N, C-alpha and C. Protein backbone atom coordinates (compact mmCIF):
# COMPACT_ATOMS: atom_id res chain seq x y z
N MET A 1 213.05 91.94 22.85
CA MET A 1 213.93 90.89 22.23
C MET A 1 213.43 89.53 22.54
N LEU A 2 212.90 88.74 21.79
CA LEU A 2 212.33 87.46 22.04
C LEU A 2 213.53 86.40 21.68
N LEU A 3 213.69 85.39 22.57
CA LEU A 3 214.68 84.35 22.29
C LEU A 3 213.94 83.05 22.54
N LYS A 4 214.32 82.03 21.72
CA LYS A 4 213.78 80.78 21.85
C LYS A 4 214.25 80.24 23.17
N LEU A 5 213.55 79.24 23.84
CA LEU A 5 213.92 78.63 25.01
C LEU A 5 215.16 77.88 24.88
N ALA A 6 215.39 77.16 23.87
CA ALA A 6 216.64 76.35 23.50
C ALA A 6 217.86 77.41 23.56
N THR A 7 217.74 78.53 22.90
CA THR A 7 218.78 79.57 22.88
C THR A 7 219.04 80.06 24.24
N LEU A 8 217.96 80.39 25.02
CA LEU A 8 218.01 80.82 26.41
C LEU A 8 218.94 79.74 27.25
N GLU A 9 218.56 78.57 27.02
CA GLU A 9 219.31 77.46 27.77
C GLU A 9 220.77 77.44 27.38
N ARG A 10 221.09 77.74 26.17
CA ARG A 10 222.48 77.80 25.72
C ARG A 10 223.20 78.97 26.25
N ILE A 11 222.48 80.13 26.41
CA ILE A 11 222.94 81.31 26.90
C ILE A 11 223.34 81.05 28.51
N LYS A 12 222.44 80.43 29.06
CA LYS A 12 222.66 80.00 30.51
C LYS A 12 223.87 79.09 30.70
N ALA A 13 223.98 78.19 29.77
CA ALA A 13 225.20 77.24 29.95
C ALA A 13 226.53 77.97 29.38
N GLY A 14 226.43 79.19 28.91
CA GLY A 14 227.63 79.91 28.46
C GLY A 14 228.04 79.53 26.97
N GLU A 15 227.21 78.86 26.36
CA GLU A 15 227.41 78.44 24.89
C GLU A 15 227.22 79.50 23.95
N VAL A 16 226.34 80.43 24.21
CA VAL A 16 225.88 81.53 23.33
C VAL A 16 226.13 82.84 24.02
N SER A 17 226.65 83.72 23.34
CA SER A 17 226.94 85.16 23.84
C SER A 17 226.73 86.14 22.93
N LEU A 18 226.15 85.84 21.74
CA LEU A 18 225.69 86.95 20.75
C LEU A 18 224.29 86.52 20.18
N ALA A 19 223.74 87.61 19.87
CA ALA A 19 222.46 87.61 19.04
C ALA A 19 222.46 88.56 18.05
N PHE A 20 221.79 88.28 16.96
CA PHE A 20 221.75 89.27 15.81
C PHE A 20 220.21 89.56 15.62
N ARG A 21 219.85 90.86 15.39
CA ARG A 21 218.47 91.31 15.23
C ARG A 21 218.40 92.38 14.20
N LYS A 22 217.33 92.37 13.48
CA LYS A 22 217.00 93.53 12.75
C LYS A 22 215.99 94.34 13.41
N TRP A 23 216.20 95.64 13.57
CA TRP A 23 215.27 96.44 14.22
C TRP A 23 215.32 97.95 13.53
N LYS A 24 214.19 98.49 13.60
CA LYS A 24 214.11 99.94 13.22
C LYS A 24 214.86 100.70 14.34
N ARG A 25 214.52 100.31 15.64
CA ARG A 25 215.24 100.85 16.79
C ARG A 25 215.51 99.70 17.68
N PRO A 26 216.66 99.71 18.24
CA PRO A 26 217.03 98.53 19.18
C PRO A 26 215.99 98.44 20.29
N THR A 27 215.59 97.29 20.82
CA THR A 27 214.67 97.25 21.89
C THR A 27 215.43 96.82 23.27
N VAL A 28 216.73 96.69 23.09
CA VAL A 28 217.60 96.63 24.43
C VAL A 28 218.68 97.57 24.18
N ARG A 29 219.36 97.83 25.30
CA ARG A 29 220.47 98.80 25.31
C ARG A 29 221.70 98.20 26.13
N ALA A 30 222.85 98.65 25.86
CA ALA A 30 224.11 98.11 26.53
C ALA A 30 223.95 98.64 27.99
N GLY A 31 224.31 97.67 28.86
CA GLY A 31 224.23 98.07 30.35
C GLY A 31 222.98 97.64 30.86
N GLY A 32 221.90 97.39 30.04
CA GLY A 32 220.63 96.95 30.72
C GLY A 32 220.53 95.48 30.84
N SER A 33 219.30 95.13 31.12
CA SER A 33 218.97 93.64 31.29
C SER A 33 217.71 93.33 30.62
N LEU A 34 217.58 92.14 30.40
CA LEU A 34 216.34 91.59 29.84
C LEU A 34 215.84 90.36 30.60
N LYS A 35 214.51 90.55 31.04
CA LYS A 35 213.94 89.40 31.62
C LYS A 35 213.30 88.42 30.60
N THR A 36 213.59 87.15 30.98
CA THR A 36 213.05 86.22 29.99
C THR A 36 212.32 85.06 30.70
N ARG A 37 211.75 84.14 30.21
CA ARG A 37 211.03 83.13 30.96
C ARG A 37 211.99 82.12 31.56
N LEU A 38 213.32 82.19 31.25
CA LEU A 38 214.22 81.34 31.97
C LEU A 38 215.19 82.11 33.10
N GLY A 39 215.11 83.31 32.82
CA GLY A 39 215.89 84.14 33.90
C GLY A 39 216.26 85.51 33.26
N VAL A 40 217.23 86.23 33.78
CA VAL A 40 217.67 87.53 33.41
C VAL A 40 218.85 87.44 32.61
N LEU A 41 218.94 88.17 31.45
CA LEU A 41 220.18 88.37 30.72
C LEU A 41 220.71 89.71 30.91
N GLY A 42 222.08 89.80 30.97
CA GLY A 42 222.78 91.09 30.88
C GLY A 42 222.98 91.52 29.41
N ILE A 43 222.88 92.73 29.03
CA ILE A 43 223.21 93.20 27.78
C ILE A 43 224.43 93.92 27.78
N ASP A 44 225.49 93.39 27.12
CA ASP A 44 226.91 94.04 27.20
C ASP A 44 227.08 95.05 26.29
N ALA A 45 226.53 94.79 25.02
CA ALA A 45 226.80 95.72 23.95
C ALA A 45 225.63 95.62 22.86
N VAL A 46 225.41 96.67 22.19
CA VAL A 46 224.32 96.74 21.16
C VAL A 46 225.08 97.53 19.96
N GLU A 47 225.41 96.93 18.92
CA GLU A 47 226.14 97.64 17.81
C GLU A 47 225.56 97.27 16.54
N ARG A 48 225.40 98.39 15.64
CA ARG A 48 225.09 98.16 14.27
C ARG A 48 226.04 97.20 13.53
N ALA A 49 225.53 96.36 12.71
CA ALA A 49 226.45 95.47 11.99
C ALA A 49 225.93 95.35 10.49
N SER A 50 226.56 94.57 9.80
CA SER A 50 226.28 94.27 8.37
C SER A 50 226.39 92.78 8.18
N LEU A 51 225.72 92.21 7.14
CA LEU A 51 225.78 90.84 6.90
C LEU A 51 227.25 90.44 6.65
N ALA A 52 227.98 91.43 5.75
CA ALA A 52 229.30 91.14 5.37
C ALA A 52 230.16 91.14 6.64
N SER A 53 229.84 91.88 7.71
CA SER A 53 230.85 91.95 8.85
C SER A 53 230.74 90.73 9.84
N ILE A 54 229.65 89.91 9.59
CA ILE A 54 229.54 88.71 10.42
C ILE A 54 230.73 87.68 10.10
N THR A 55 231.33 87.19 11.17
CA THR A 55 232.42 86.13 10.97
C THR A 55 231.84 84.85 11.47
N ALA A 56 232.64 83.80 10.98
CA ALA A 56 232.26 82.41 11.37
C ALA A 56 232.20 82.32 12.91
N ALA A 57 233.13 82.88 13.54
CA ALA A 57 233.21 82.81 14.99
C ALA A 57 232.05 83.56 15.71
N GLN A 58 231.73 84.62 15.17
CA GLN A 58 230.37 85.29 15.66
C GLN A 58 229.16 84.44 15.48
N ALA A 59 229.18 83.86 14.25
CA ALA A 59 227.90 82.94 14.04
C ALA A 59 227.88 81.79 15.07
N ARG A 60 229.09 81.23 15.35
CA ARG A 60 229.07 80.14 16.38
C ARG A 60 228.75 80.64 17.87
N LYS A 61 229.16 81.91 18.05
CA LYS A 61 228.81 82.56 19.44
C LYS A 61 227.29 82.91 19.50
N ALA A 62 226.67 82.92 18.32
CA ALA A 62 225.21 83.22 18.25
C ALA A 62 224.46 81.93 18.16
N GLY A 63 225.15 80.69 18.20
CA GLY A 63 224.40 79.48 18.33
C GLY A 63 224.26 78.82 16.97
N TYR A 64 224.90 79.20 15.85
CA TYR A 64 224.77 78.77 14.58
C TYR A 64 225.92 77.87 14.22
N ALA A 65 225.68 76.75 13.43
CA ALA A 65 226.91 75.98 13.14
C ALA A 65 227.84 76.58 12.14
N THR A 66 227.21 77.41 11.27
CA THR A 66 228.01 78.09 10.25
C THR A 66 227.51 79.53 10.07
N ARG A 67 228.39 80.36 9.45
CA ARG A 67 228.08 81.69 9.09
C ARG A 67 226.92 81.72 8.18
N ALA A 68 227.00 80.86 7.20
CA ALA A 68 225.87 80.73 6.12
C ALA A 68 224.56 80.49 6.73
N ASP A 69 224.42 79.62 7.77
CA ASP A 69 223.14 79.35 8.41
C ASP A 69 222.63 80.67 9.05
N LEU A 70 223.50 81.37 9.79
CA LEU A 70 223.01 82.71 10.45
C LEU A 70 222.71 83.63 9.33
N VAL A 71 223.39 83.82 8.30
CA VAL A 71 223.08 84.82 7.25
C VAL A 71 221.76 84.43 6.68
N ALA A 72 221.55 83.13 6.44
CA ALA A 72 220.29 82.68 5.79
C ALA A 72 219.05 83.03 6.69
N GLU A 73 219.23 82.79 7.93
CA GLU A 73 218.20 83.16 8.90
C GLU A 73 217.87 84.63 8.85
N LEU A 74 218.94 85.46 8.95
CA LEU A 74 218.75 86.96 9.07
C LEU A 74 218.04 87.41 7.75
N GLN A 75 218.41 86.83 6.56
CA GLN A 75 217.79 87.24 5.33
C GLN A 75 216.32 86.93 5.22
N LYS A 76 215.80 86.07 6.00
CA LYS A 76 214.36 85.79 6.18
C LYS A 76 213.65 86.84 6.86
N ARG A 77 214.35 87.59 7.84
CA ARG A 77 213.76 88.51 8.68
C ARG A 77 213.34 89.81 7.96
N GLY A 78 212.26 90.51 8.43
CA GLY A 78 211.83 91.66 7.78
C GLY A 78 212.76 92.96 7.86
N GLU A 79 212.13 94.04 7.84
CA GLU A 79 212.82 95.34 7.66
C GLU A 79 213.62 95.58 8.97
N GLY A 80 214.50 96.67 8.85
CA GLY A 80 215.33 97.23 9.97
C GLY A 80 216.75 97.06 9.73
N ASP A 81 217.51 97.80 10.57
CA ASP A 81 218.95 97.57 10.58
C ASP A 81 219.41 96.42 11.36
N LEU A 82 220.48 95.93 10.87
CA LEU A 82 221.08 94.70 11.57
C LEU A 82 221.84 95.24 12.83
N HIS A 83 221.61 94.51 13.99
CA HIS A 83 222.51 94.81 15.13
C HIS A 83 223.02 93.53 15.83
N ARG A 84 224.18 93.76 16.21
CA ARG A 84 224.78 92.55 17.04
C ARG A 84 224.59 92.90 18.54
N VAL A 85 224.17 91.96 19.26
CA VAL A 85 223.99 92.19 20.68
C VAL A 85 224.90 91.20 21.51
N ALA A 86 225.71 91.63 22.25
CA ALA A 86 226.49 90.88 23.20
C ALA A 86 225.71 90.75 24.45
N LEU A 87 225.72 89.49 24.93
CA LEU A 87 224.86 89.30 26.18
C LEU A 87 225.40 88.13 26.95
N HIS A 88 224.90 88.06 28.14
CA HIS A 88 225.35 86.96 29.13
C HIS A 88 224.23 86.60 30.11
N TRP A 89 224.37 85.43 30.70
CA TRP A 89 223.34 84.99 31.71
C TRP A 89 223.75 85.74 32.98
N GLN A 90 222.77 86.52 33.40
CA GLN A 90 222.80 87.32 34.65
C GLN A 90 222.39 86.58 35.84
N GLY A 91 221.33 85.80 35.76
CA GLY A 91 220.90 85.03 36.86
C GLY A 91 219.38 84.76 36.82
N ALA A 92 218.97 84.13 37.94
CA ALA A 92 217.52 83.74 37.93
C ALA A 92 216.60 84.94 37.98
N ASP A 93 215.52 85.00 37.53
CA ASP A 93 214.40 85.92 37.54
C ASP A 93 214.06 86.19 38.96
N PRO A 94 214.27 87.37 39.52
CA PRO A 94 213.80 87.71 40.92
C PRO A 94 212.24 87.51 41.07
N ARG A 95 211.56 87.57 39.97
CA ARG A 95 210.12 87.45 40.19
C ARG A 95 209.72 85.97 40.57
N SER A 96 210.67 85.08 40.15
CA SER A 96 210.25 83.66 40.56
C SER A 96 210.32 83.53 42.12
N VAL A 97 211.16 84.16 42.70
CA VAL A 97 211.18 84.14 44.28
C VAL A 97 209.96 84.81 44.68
N LEU A 98 209.65 85.96 44.13
CA LEU A 98 208.47 86.82 44.54
C LEU A 98 207.19 85.99 44.36
N ARG A 99 207.02 85.23 43.26
CA ARG A 99 205.82 84.49 42.96
C ARG A 99 205.50 83.42 44.01
N ALA A 100 206.63 82.83 44.56
CA ALA A 100 206.44 81.76 45.50
C ALA A 100 206.17 82.35 46.94
N LYS A 101 206.44 83.61 47.11
CA LYS A 101 206.35 84.13 48.52
C LYS A 101 204.83 84.51 48.84
N THR A 102 204.28 83.67 49.72
CA THR A 102 202.93 83.84 50.10
C THR A 102 202.81 84.34 51.45
N ALA A 103 203.87 84.24 52.22
CA ALA A 103 203.79 84.89 53.58
C ALA A 103 204.39 86.29 53.49
N PHE A 104 203.47 87.22 53.72
CA PHE A 104 203.92 88.60 53.70
C PHE A 104 203.10 89.43 54.83
N SER A 105 203.66 90.46 55.39
CA SER A 105 203.18 91.22 56.33
C SER A 105 201.92 91.95 55.92
N ALA A 106 201.18 92.49 56.98
CA ALA A 106 200.07 93.29 56.70
C ALA A 106 200.44 94.63 55.80
N ALA A 107 201.75 95.03 56.15
CA ALA A 107 202.22 96.31 55.42
C ALA A 107 202.48 96.00 54.00
N GLU A 108 203.11 94.75 53.77
CA GLU A 108 203.41 94.19 52.44
C GLU A 108 202.08 94.05 51.68
N ARG A 109 201.09 93.50 52.26
CA ARG A 109 199.81 93.16 51.56
C ARG A 109 199.17 94.53 51.23
N ASP A 110 199.25 95.46 52.16
CA ASP A 110 198.52 96.84 51.98
C ASP A 110 199.27 97.53 50.78
N ALA A 111 200.56 97.41 50.75
CA ALA A 111 201.38 98.06 49.62
C ALA A 111 200.89 97.41 48.23
N MET A 112 200.76 96.09 48.21
CA MET A 112 200.39 95.43 47.02
C MET A 112 198.95 95.78 46.58
N LEU A 113 198.11 95.82 47.54
CA LEU A 113 196.67 96.26 47.22
C LEU A 113 196.69 97.74 46.81
N ALA A 114 197.50 98.59 47.42
CA ALA A 114 197.50 99.99 47.01
C ALA A 114 198.06 100.12 45.60
N ARG A 115 199.12 99.28 45.28
CA ARG A 115 199.50 99.32 43.86
C ARG A 115 198.52 98.88 42.93
N LEU A 116 197.82 97.79 43.17
CA LEU A 116 196.76 97.40 42.32
C LEU A 116 195.73 98.50 42.13
N ALA A 117 195.29 99.11 43.31
CA ALA A 117 194.39 100.29 43.15
C ALA A 117 194.87 101.31 42.30
N ARG A 118 196.21 101.66 42.39
CA ARG A 118 196.75 102.72 41.42
C ARG A 118 196.66 102.33 39.99
N LEU A 119 196.90 101.01 39.73
CA LEU A 119 196.69 100.58 38.29
C LEU A 119 195.34 100.75 37.81
N ASP A 120 194.46 100.33 38.67
CA ASP A 120 192.92 100.46 38.34
C ASP A 120 192.60 102.01 38.15
N ALA A 121 193.09 102.86 39.02
CA ALA A 121 192.78 104.27 39.03
C ALA A 121 193.38 104.89 37.81
N ALA A 122 194.51 104.37 37.25
CA ALA A 122 195.14 104.97 36.11
C ALA A 122 194.54 104.59 34.81
N SER A 123 193.70 103.54 34.90
CA SER A 123 193.14 103.04 33.59
C SER A 123 191.91 103.86 33.12
N ARG A 124 191.95 104.23 31.99
CA ARG A 124 190.86 105.01 31.24
C ARG A 124 189.62 104.00 31.20
N GLY A 125 189.72 102.84 31.20
CA GLY A 125 188.63 101.87 31.10
C GLY A 125 188.13 101.42 32.46
N GLY A 126 188.56 101.96 33.55
CA GLY A 126 188.16 101.47 34.85
C GLY A 126 189.05 100.40 35.42
N ALA A 127 188.54 99.85 36.62
CA ALA A 127 189.23 98.95 37.35
C ALA A 127 189.36 97.58 36.47
N TRP A 128 190.42 96.89 36.54
CA TRP A 128 190.76 95.84 35.83
C TRP A 128 191.51 94.65 36.35
N THR A 129 192.27 95.05 37.45
CA THR A 129 193.24 94.09 38.01
C THR A 129 192.52 92.89 38.61
N ARG A 130 191.56 93.07 39.39
CA ARG A 130 190.84 91.93 39.99
C ARG A 130 190.25 91.10 38.97
N ALA A 131 189.61 91.58 37.94
CA ALA A 131 189.08 90.79 36.74
C ALA A 131 190.10 90.05 36.08
N TYR A 132 191.22 90.65 35.81
CA TYR A 132 192.33 89.82 35.09
C TYR A 132 192.70 88.77 35.99
N LEU A 133 193.06 88.86 37.36
CA LEU A 133 193.36 87.82 38.19
C LEU A 133 192.47 86.75 38.14
N ARG A 134 191.24 87.01 38.17
CA ARG A 134 190.06 86.10 38.26
C ARG A 134 190.10 85.28 36.96
N THR A 135 190.09 86.08 35.83
CA THR A 135 190.12 85.47 34.48
C THR A 135 191.29 84.43 34.30
N ILE A 136 192.49 84.79 34.70
CA ILE A 136 193.66 84.00 34.56
C ILE A 136 193.55 82.77 35.57
N ALA A 137 192.97 82.95 36.80
CA ALA A 137 192.67 81.89 37.70
C ALA A 137 191.73 80.91 37.12
N ASP A 138 190.75 81.40 36.53
CA ASP A 138 189.59 80.49 35.97
C ASP A 138 190.10 79.75 34.62
N ARG A 139 191.00 80.42 33.90
CA ARG A 139 191.30 79.88 32.49
C ARG A 139 192.87 79.81 32.39
N PRO A 140 193.63 79.13 33.18
CA PRO A 140 195.05 78.92 32.88
C PRO A 140 195.38 78.24 31.66
N ALA A 141 196.48 78.67 31.18
CA ALA A 141 196.97 78.08 29.85
C ALA A 141 196.07 78.27 28.68
N THR A 142 195.38 79.62 28.71
CA THR A 142 194.52 79.93 27.63
C THR A 142 195.24 80.89 26.80
N LEU A 143 195.14 80.93 25.50
CA LEU A 143 195.83 82.00 24.65
C LEU A 143 195.43 83.31 25.08
N ALA A 144 196.53 84.16 24.98
CA ALA A 144 196.24 85.51 25.44
C ALA A 144 195.17 86.27 24.54
N ALA A 145 195.13 85.91 23.26
CA ALA A 145 194.02 86.53 22.44
C ALA A 145 192.59 86.14 22.89
N THR A 146 192.48 84.88 23.42
CA THR A 146 191.13 84.49 23.86
C THR A 146 190.76 85.20 25.21
N LEU A 147 191.81 85.33 26.00
CA LEU A 147 191.53 85.99 27.30
C LEU A 147 191.32 87.51 27.10
N ALA A 148 192.01 88.11 26.22
CA ALA A 148 191.85 89.57 25.74
C ALA A 148 190.49 89.74 25.26
N GLU A 149 190.02 88.91 24.46
CA GLU A 149 188.66 88.97 23.82
C GLU A 149 187.58 88.94 25.05
N ALA A 150 187.74 88.12 25.96
CA ALA A 150 186.86 87.95 27.15
C ALA A 150 186.88 89.20 27.98
N GLN A 151 187.98 89.99 27.99
CA GLN A 151 187.99 91.20 28.63
C GLN A 151 187.65 92.38 27.93
N GLY A 152 187.39 92.13 26.50
CA GLY A 152 186.87 93.23 25.72
C GLY A 152 187.98 94.25 25.32
N ILE A 153 189.22 93.73 25.13
CA ILE A 153 190.45 94.55 25.03
C ILE A 153 191.23 93.89 23.82
N ASP A 154 192.09 94.61 23.22
CA ASP A 154 193.01 93.99 22.26
C ASP A 154 194.12 93.21 22.94
N LYS A 155 194.75 92.38 22.20
CA LYS A 155 195.67 91.46 22.70
C LYS A 155 197.04 92.24 23.29
N PRO A 156 197.58 93.17 22.53
CA PRO A 156 198.69 93.87 22.97
C PRO A 156 198.42 94.59 24.29
N ARG A 157 197.29 95.34 24.40
CA ARG A 157 196.99 96.05 25.63
C ARG A 157 196.74 94.95 26.80
N PHE A 158 196.17 93.86 26.47
CA PHE A 158 195.91 92.78 27.61
C PHE A 158 197.30 92.36 28.05
N LYS A 159 198.10 92.01 27.04
CA LYS A 159 199.49 91.42 27.56
C LYS A 159 200.31 92.50 28.32
N GLN A 160 200.14 93.84 27.93
CA GLN A 160 200.82 94.89 28.69
C GLN A 160 200.41 94.87 30.10
N ARG A 161 199.17 94.77 30.26
CA ARG A 161 198.53 94.81 31.69
C ARG A 161 198.93 93.54 32.41
N VAL A 162 199.05 92.28 31.81
CA VAL A 162 199.47 91.18 32.55
C VAL A 162 200.88 91.27 32.90
N ARG A 163 201.81 91.95 32.11
CA ARG A 163 203.08 92.06 32.39
C ARG A 163 203.16 92.83 33.70
N ARG A 164 202.38 93.82 34.03
CA ARG A 164 202.39 94.59 35.15
C ARG A 164 202.08 93.71 36.48
N LEU A 165 201.15 92.74 36.28
CA LEU A 165 200.82 91.80 37.28
C LEU A 165 201.97 90.89 37.61
N LYS A 166 202.64 90.53 36.37
CA LYS A 166 203.80 89.62 36.51
C LYS A 166 204.92 90.24 37.25
N GLU A 167 205.16 91.60 37.06
CA GLU A 167 206.29 92.29 37.77
C GLU A 167 206.00 92.31 39.22
N MET A 168 204.72 92.29 39.66
CA MET A 168 204.34 92.14 41.11
C MET A 168 204.38 90.70 41.67
N GLY A 169 204.75 89.60 40.75
CA GLY A 169 204.91 88.25 41.17
C GLY A 169 203.55 87.64 41.31
N LEU A 170 202.47 88.11 40.64
CA LEU A 170 201.03 87.60 40.73
C LEU A 170 200.82 86.60 39.67
N THR A 171 201.43 86.73 38.55
CA THR A 171 201.12 85.69 37.43
C THR A 171 202.43 85.20 36.92
N GLU A 172 202.28 84.24 36.16
CA GLU A 172 203.52 83.63 35.43
C GLU A 172 203.13 83.12 34.02
N SER A 173 204.06 83.39 33.14
CA SER A 173 203.78 82.89 31.71
C SER A 173 203.93 81.44 31.54
N LEU A 174 203.11 80.90 30.82
CA LEU A 174 203.34 79.43 30.35
C LEU A 174 203.69 79.42 28.96
N GLY A 175 203.88 78.19 28.37
CA GLY A 175 204.12 78.05 26.95
C GLY A 175 202.93 78.69 26.24
N VAL A 176 201.80 78.53 26.74
CA VAL A 176 200.48 79.14 26.12
C VAL A 176 199.85 79.76 27.31
N GLY A 177 199.64 81.01 27.25
CA GLY A 177 198.74 81.82 28.24
C GLY A 177 199.60 82.00 29.53
N TYR A 178 198.80 81.96 30.72
CA TYR A 178 199.29 82.41 32.02
C TYR A 178 198.66 81.46 33.04
N ARG A 179 199.18 81.66 34.26
CA ARG A 179 198.51 81.18 35.47
C ARG A 179 198.84 82.04 36.57
N LEU A 180 198.05 81.96 37.63
CA LEU A 180 198.40 82.71 38.86
C LEU A 180 199.44 82.00 39.64
N SER A 181 200.27 82.77 40.17
CA SER A 181 201.43 82.22 41.04
C SER A 181 200.84 81.95 42.50
N PRO A 182 201.40 81.25 43.28
CA PRO A 182 200.83 81.06 44.59
C PRO A 182 200.73 82.54 45.18
N ARG A 183 201.53 83.43 45.03
CA ARG A 183 201.34 84.72 45.60
C ARG A 183 200.05 85.28 45.02
N GLY A 184 199.90 85.11 43.66
CA GLY A 184 198.72 85.80 42.97
C GLY A 184 197.34 85.16 43.54
N LYS A 185 197.41 83.89 43.81
CA LYS A 185 196.24 83.13 44.45
C LYS A 185 195.87 83.82 45.63
N LYS A 186 196.87 84.08 46.52
CA LYS A 186 196.61 84.54 47.87
C LYS A 186 196.11 86.04 47.74
N VAL A 187 196.62 86.79 46.81
CA VAL A 187 196.28 88.19 46.73
C VAL A 187 194.79 88.25 46.11
N LEU A 188 194.41 87.29 45.19
CA LEU A 188 193.06 87.29 44.70
C LEU A 188 192.01 86.83 45.78
N ALA A 189 192.49 85.91 46.55
CA ALA A 189 191.59 85.52 47.66
C ALA A 189 191.32 86.72 48.61
N HIS A 190 192.31 87.39 48.83
CA HIS A 190 192.14 88.61 49.78
C HIS A 190 191.23 89.66 49.14
N LEU A 191 191.48 89.87 47.77
CA LEU A 191 190.68 90.84 47.07
C LEU A 191 189.15 90.45 47.06
N GLU A 192 188.99 89.11 46.89
CA GLU A 192 187.51 88.63 46.75
C GLU A 192 186.92 88.65 48.17
N ARG A 193 187.52 88.60 49.29
CA ARG A 193 187.05 88.61 50.59
C ARG A 193 186.59 90.06 50.97
N ARG A 194 187.18 90.95 50.32
CA ARG A 194 186.95 92.42 50.62
C ARG A 194 185.60 92.87 50.23
């Protein structure tokens, strides 16, 4: 579930607590959480809805000035069933703390390297983690499609792999593309010394 930065900021400020989406199948579930570029959102409820059931108060809770504005936006969207998602700001993204952490023990370093090795071993196309880290280091703020092409892979698969690196605190997303985190730079330097 993608949300605009302005909407995320309003959720964080407590001004927005609902979102409406058309889905064939919901991509979030009640009780779950959603990591975003601004932080983590808690998902309180996911319910089927109809355009007729949307109230003016719900439209305002979704960040729209009027019900008509929200309905007009939803009518532009593609196929799928309409869902109402209740959400709240849960807190800062724990990956941001991890990204900044460059002091780690030998055991932590070995665990990270072992995880990268497992990702490489599980890939049908062979080892990729070091090459991706190097590519992102060399070409920060570059379109994902351009980086994917340089790796000889399609964009969705490339982005999926980068998300795995991001979960480890090694990369961070930018408005366009990615960059290595301080932790990622240290891990790459270690990999290249080996």
